[in-house]
């Protein structure tokens, strides 16, 4: 269940680059984008998602977990790659999860740019189906500020291509536990959640997730499903993402870079904050 070698995740290209006012021919590398066919035996119709090859089994499990189809490792009876020229994964689920898979309302193709593409409607998580997050953990502010540099240093595919998103899982001491990259930001997070699911780490109560881009609604929704208490992004959150984080009491941090950040919800999990506005910032 490991990822493919690095060469499968990048593709060579010949290009013309403008350098010092002149066009120069040179070779470069692009992030690979290719379809993955996810087939749930006895459940939903095939789901085709565009992704960067590698960690495909994790991607399939993370996607199904984010959709609410599977809730733990024990609901997965088998998962494997199907033989043949096309990239395809077969997932065999236990009966209850198989029934939930049959209710999936998603068209056959999801692009790498959108985690909710192909859906007939947006179904926010139901707070009555999910246990509330614990009050903790509490994390030092200085630990948060260190996370972006740790993530950047671990993004080996990005160093070669410059065209990939990343999702990283940290413990509360700031130790990097896993990082996944993909052309799709939601795919990167699905791979990360799939990694955790395979290791029986869900729910992720004692962990933090760092996203390399913006914190969109669908990414926060996946973190809600995985019970991540602290979600950070190096760019901005959307309005719906903030609304969802506040509803489920997730600590949402945006613009985490250059020794600064914005805090949008649940500030009590961050130690070391100062300022008279902290206690009442979200009271309005």
Foldseek 3Di string as FASTA:
>chain_A
DWWDPLVQQKDKDWDWDQDPNDTDIDIAIAGDWDWEWEAEVLAAHIAIEIKRGILVQLLNQLLLLLLVLDQALVQWPDKDFDDDDHHYIYTYGPDSSRHVRNPAQADRYDYLADSCHRHPDDDFDDCVVDDAADLEDAAEPVLLLPQVVVQVVPCPSCVRHVQKKKKWKAFRNNDTDDMAIMNHQVSRVSSVLSVCRVVRCALVRGMEMEIAAEAELSNLSSNVSSSHQEYEYLAYYDPNSLVSCAVRQHFYWYNSYPSDIDTRGSPVRYPPDDDPCVVPVPVD
